[in-house]
Amino acid sequence: MPPKIAKLAGLGALAACGGIAAIYALFLYITRPVPTSGLDPTLRFLSWFTVAGVVLALIGVHVVFGRQLLLLSKGEARPI
């Protein structure tokens, strides 16, 4: 992969972490308790907790691949 494309892909993978976090924040906003509707406390905790696990896994993978791509763009790539 050419270094310029590897750098752009690495920065894109790291920027995707912000988008994933924003989607999770939107999920929290939608499921928050309000007087007229919302989830009960047990379901809210379970949904926030399980979705947080998936979000953290996605962010972790994006960080690892982003760092590897940035190292590849500098010519210092190491195996994962």
N, C-alpha and C. Protein backbone atom coordinates (compact mmCIF):
# COMPACT_ATOMS: atom_id res chain seq x y z
N MET A 1 0.85 -1.17 0.00
CA MET A 1 0.00 0.00 0.00
C MET A 1 0.90 1.24 0.00
N PRO A 2 0.60 2.20 -0.85
CA PRO A 2 1.40 3.43 -0.87
C PRO A 2 1.30 4.17 0.47
N PRO A 3 2.39 4.80 0.90
CA PRO A 3 2.38 5.48 2.20
C PRO A 3 1.30 6.55 2.33
N LYS A 4 1.02 7.27 1.27
CA LYS A 4 0.03 8.34 1.35
C LYS A 4 -1.37 7.76 1.62
N ILE A 5 -1.70 6.67 0.95
CA ILE A 5 -3.01 6.04 1.15
C ILE A 5 -3.07 5.40 2.54
N ALA A 6 -1.97 4.81 2.99
CA ALA A 6 -1.94 4.21 4.32
C ALA A 6 -2.15 5.27 5.40
N LYS A 7 -1.57 6.44 5.20
CA LYS A 7 -1.75 7.51 6.18
C LYS A 7 -3.19 7.98 6.21
N LEU A 8 -3.80 8.17 5.04
CA LEU A 8 -5.20 8.59 4.99
C LEU A 8 -6.12 7.53 5.59
N ALA A 9 -5.85 6.26 5.30
CA ALA A 9 -6.67 5.19 5.86
C ALA A 9 -6.51 5.12 7.37
N GLY A 10 -5.29 5.31 7.86
CA GLY A 10 -5.06 5.30 9.30
C GLY A 10 -5.75 6.44 10.01
N LEU A 11 -5.67 7.62 9.43
CA LEU A 11 -6.38 8.76 10.02
C LEU A 11 -7.89 8.58 9.95
N GLY A 12 -8.36 7.97 8.88
CA GLY A 12 -9.79 7.70 8.76
C GLY A 12 -10.26 6.70 9.80
N ALA A 13 -9.44 5.68 10.06
CA ALA A 13 -9.81 4.69 11.09
C ALA A 13 -9.86 5.34 12.47
N LEU A 14 -8.91 6.24 12.74
CA LEU A 14 -8.94 6.93 14.03
C LEU A 14 -10.09 7.91 14.13
N ALA A 15 -10.43 8.56 13.02
CA ALA A 15 -11.56 9.48 13.03
C ALA A 15 -12.89 8.75 13.19
N ALA A 16 -12.94 7.51 12.71
CA ALA A 16 -14.16 6.73 12.86
C ALA A 16 -14.48 6.47 14.33
N CYS A 17 -13.48 6.48 15.18
CA CYS A 17 -13.71 6.31 16.62
C CYS A 17 -14.61 7.42 17.16
N GLY A 18 -14.40 8.63 16.69
CA GLY A 18 -15.26 9.75 17.11
C GLY A 18 -16.69 9.57 16.64
N GLY A 19 -16.85 9.07 15.42
CA GLY A 19 -18.20 8.82 14.91
C GLY A 19 -18.91 7.73 15.68
N ILE A 20 -18.18 6.69 16.03
CA ILE A 20 -18.78 5.61 16.82
C ILE A 20 -19.18 6.12 18.20
N ALA A 21 -18.34 6.94 18.80
CA ALA A 21 -18.67 7.51 20.11
C ALA A 21 -19.87 8.44 20.02
N ALA A 22 -19.98 9.18 18.92
CA ALA A 22 -21.14 10.07 18.74
C ALA A 22 -22.43 9.27 18.58
N ILE A 23 -22.36 8.15 17.87
CA ILE A 23 -23.55 7.31 17.72
C ILE A 23 -23.95 6.73 19.07
N TYR A 24 -22.99 6.35 19.90
CA TYR A 24 -23.30 5.85 21.23
C TYR A 24 -23.92 6.96 22.09
N ALA A 25 -23.41 8.18 21.97
CA ALA A 25 -24.00 9.29 22.72
C ALA A 25 -25.45 9.54 22.28
N LEU A 26 -25.72 9.41 21.00
CA LEU A 26 -27.09 9.54 20.50
C LEU A 26 -27.96 8.43 21.07
N PHE A 27 -27.44 7.22 21.14
CA PHE A 27 -28.18 6.10 21.73
C PHE A 27 -28.52 6.39 23.20
N LEU A 28 -27.55 6.92 23.94
CA LEU A 28 -27.80 7.28 25.34
C LEU A 28 -28.87 8.36 25.45
N TYR A 29 -28.83 9.32 24.56
CA TYR A 29 -29.81 10.41 24.57
C TYR A 29 -31.22 9.88 24.28
N ILE A 30 -31.32 8.96 23.33
CA ILE A 30 -32.64 8.44 22.97
C ILE A 30 -33.24 7.58 24.08
N THR A 31 -32.42 6.82 24.78
CA THR A 31 -32.93 5.90 25.79
C THR A 31 -32.93 6.48 27.20
N ARG A 32 -32.67 7.76 27.34
CA ARG A 32 -32.66 8.36 28.67
C ARG A 32 -34.07 8.40 29.25
N PRO A 33 -34.17 8.48 30.57
CA PRO A 33 -35.51 8.54 31.17
C PRO A 33 -36.13 9.92 30.99
N VAL A 34 -37.37 9.94 30.54
CA VAL A 34 -38.14 11.17 30.41
C VAL A 34 -39.50 10.93 31.05
N PRO A 35 -40.23 11.98 31.41
CA PRO A 35 -41.50 11.79 32.12
C PRO A 35 -42.55 11.02 31.31
N THR A 36 -42.54 11.15 30.00
CA THR A 36 -43.61 10.53 29.22
C THR A 36 -43.26 9.14 28.68
N SER A 37 -41.99 8.82 28.59
CA SER A 37 -41.61 7.50 28.06
C SER A 37 -40.18 7.18 28.44
N GLY A 38 -39.61 6.19 27.80
CA GLY A 38 -38.24 5.77 28.07
C GLY A 38 -38.22 4.36 28.60
N LEU A 39 -37.03 3.85 28.82
CA LEU A 39 -36.88 2.50 29.32
C LEU A 39 -36.92 2.50 30.84
N ASP A 40 -37.35 1.38 31.42
CA ASP A 40 -37.29 1.27 32.87
C ASP A 40 -35.82 1.11 33.28
N PRO A 41 -35.50 1.31 34.56
CA PRO A 41 -34.08 1.33 34.96
C PRO A 41 -33.31 0.05 34.64
N THR A 42 -33.95 -1.10 34.78
CA THR A 42 -33.24 -2.36 34.52
C THR A 42 -32.90 -2.51 33.04
N LEU A 43 -33.87 -2.29 32.18
CA LEU A 43 -33.62 -2.41 30.75
C LEU A 43 -32.64 -1.34 30.27
N ARG A 44 -32.72 -0.15 30.85
CA ARG A 44 -31.81 0.92 30.47
C ARG A 44 -30.37 0.54 30.82
N PHE A 45 -30.15 0.02 32.02
CA PHE A 45 -28.81 -0.40 32.42
C PHE A 45 -28.29 -1.51 31.52
N LEU A 46 -29.12 -2.52 31.25
CA LEU A 46 -28.68 -3.63 30.41
C LEU A 46 -28.36 -3.17 28.99
N SER A 47 -29.19 -2.32 28.44
CA SER A 47 -28.94 -1.87 27.07
C SER A 47 -27.71 -0.97 27.00
N TRP A 48 -27.54 -0.06 27.94
CA TRP A 48 -26.37 0.81 27.95
C TRP A 48 -25.09 -0.03 28.13
N PHE A 49 -25.13 -1.01 29.01
CA PHE A 49 -23.96 -1.82 29.31
C PHE A 49 -23.57 -2.69 28.13
N THR A 50 -24.54 -3.36 27.51
CA THR A 50 -24.21 -4.26 26.40
C THR A 50 -23.77 -3.49 25.16
N VAL A 51 -24.44 -2.38 24.86
CA VAL A 51 -24.04 -1.59 23.70
C VAL A 51 -22.67 -0.96 23.94
N ALA A 52 -22.37 -0.59 25.18
CA ALA A 52 -21.05 -0.04 25.50
C ALA A 52 -19.95 -1.06 25.23
N GLY A 53 -20.21 -2.32 25.51
CA GLY A 53 -19.21 -3.36 25.21
C GLY A 53 -18.91 -3.46 23.73
N VAL A 54 -19.95 -3.43 22.92
CA VAL A 54 -19.77 -3.49 21.46
C VAL A 54 -19.03 -2.24 20.97
N VAL A 55 -19.42 -1.09 21.49
CA VAL A 55 -18.79 0.17 21.07
C VAL A 55 -17.31 0.18 21.45
N LEU A 56 -16.99 -0.26 22.65
CA LEU A 56 -15.58 -0.29 23.07
C LEU A 56 -14.77 -1.26 22.21
N ALA A 57 -15.36 -2.39 21.83
CA ALA A 57 -14.66 -3.33 20.97
C ALA A 57 -14.41 -2.71 19.59
N LEU A 58 -15.41 -2.04 19.03
CA LEU A 58 -15.23 -1.40 17.73
C LEU A 58 -14.17 -0.30 17.79
N ILE A 59 -14.21 0.51 18.83
CA ILE A 59 -13.22 1.57 18.96
C ILE A 59 -11.82 0.97 19.13
N GLY A 60 -11.70 -0.09 19.91
CA GLY A 60 -10.40 -0.73 20.09
C GLY A 60 -9.82 -1.25 18.79
N VAL A 61 -10.65 -1.89 17.98
CA VAL A 61 -10.19 -2.41 16.69
C VAL A 61 -9.77 -1.27 15.77
N HIS A 62 -10.55 -0.19 15.76
CA HIS A 62 -10.21 0.95 14.90
C HIS A 62 -8.90 1.60 15.33
N VAL A 63 -8.66 1.68 16.62
CA VAL A 63 -7.40 2.26 17.11
C VAL A 63 -6.21 1.39 16.71
N VAL A 64 -6.35 0.08 16.86
CA VAL A 64 -5.25 -0.82 16.50
C VAL A 64 -4.94 -0.74 15.02
N PHE A 65 -5.98 -0.83 14.18
CA PHE A 65 -5.74 -0.76 12.74
C PHE A 65 -5.25 0.62 12.32
N GLY A 66 -5.76 1.67 12.92
CA GLY A 66 -5.30 3.02 12.59
C GLY A 66 -3.83 3.21 12.91
N ARG A 67 -3.41 2.73 14.08
CA ARG A 67 -2.00 2.86 14.44
C ARG A 67 -1.11 2.03 13.53
N GLN A 68 -1.56 0.83 13.17
CA GLN A 68 -0.77 0.00 12.26
C GLN A 68 -0.64 0.66 10.89
N LEU A 69 -1.71 1.26 10.41
CA LEU A 69 -1.65 1.93 9.11
C LEU A 69 -0.75 3.16 9.16
N LEU A 70 -0.78 3.89 10.26
CA LEU A 70 0.11 5.05 10.38
C LEU A 70 1.57 4.61 10.45
N LEU A 71 1.84 3.51 11.14
CA LEU A 71 3.21 2.99 11.16
C LEU A 71 3.63 2.51 9.77
N LEU A 72 2.70 1.90 9.04
CA LEU A 72 3.00 1.44 7.69
C LEU A 72 3.32 2.63 6.79
N SER A 73 2.64 3.75 6.99
CA SER A 73 2.91 4.92 6.16
C SER A 73 4.29 5.51 6.44
N LYS A 74 4.82 5.27 7.63
CA LYS A 74 6.17 5.75 7.97
C LYS A 74 7.23 4.72 7.65
N GLY A 75 6.82 3.53 7.23
CA GLY A 75 7.77 2.48 6.91
C GLY A 75 8.23 1.69 8.12
N GLU A 76 7.51 1.77 9.23
CA GLU A 76 7.89 1.08 10.47
C GLU A 76 6.89 0.00 10.83
N ALA A 77 6.26 -0.62 9.88
CA ALA A 77 5.19 -1.58 10.18
C ALA A 77 5.74 -2.78 10.94
N ARG A 78 5.01 -3.17 11.98
CA ARG A 78 5.32 -4.38 12.75
C ARG A 78 4.12 -5.30 12.67
N PRO A 79 4.33 -6.59 12.75
CA PRO A 79 3.17 -7.50 12.72
C PRO A 79 2.32 -7.33 13.98
N ILE A 80 1.05 -7.57 13.84
CA ILE A 80 0.12 -7.43 14.99
C ILE A 80 0.31 -8.56 15.96
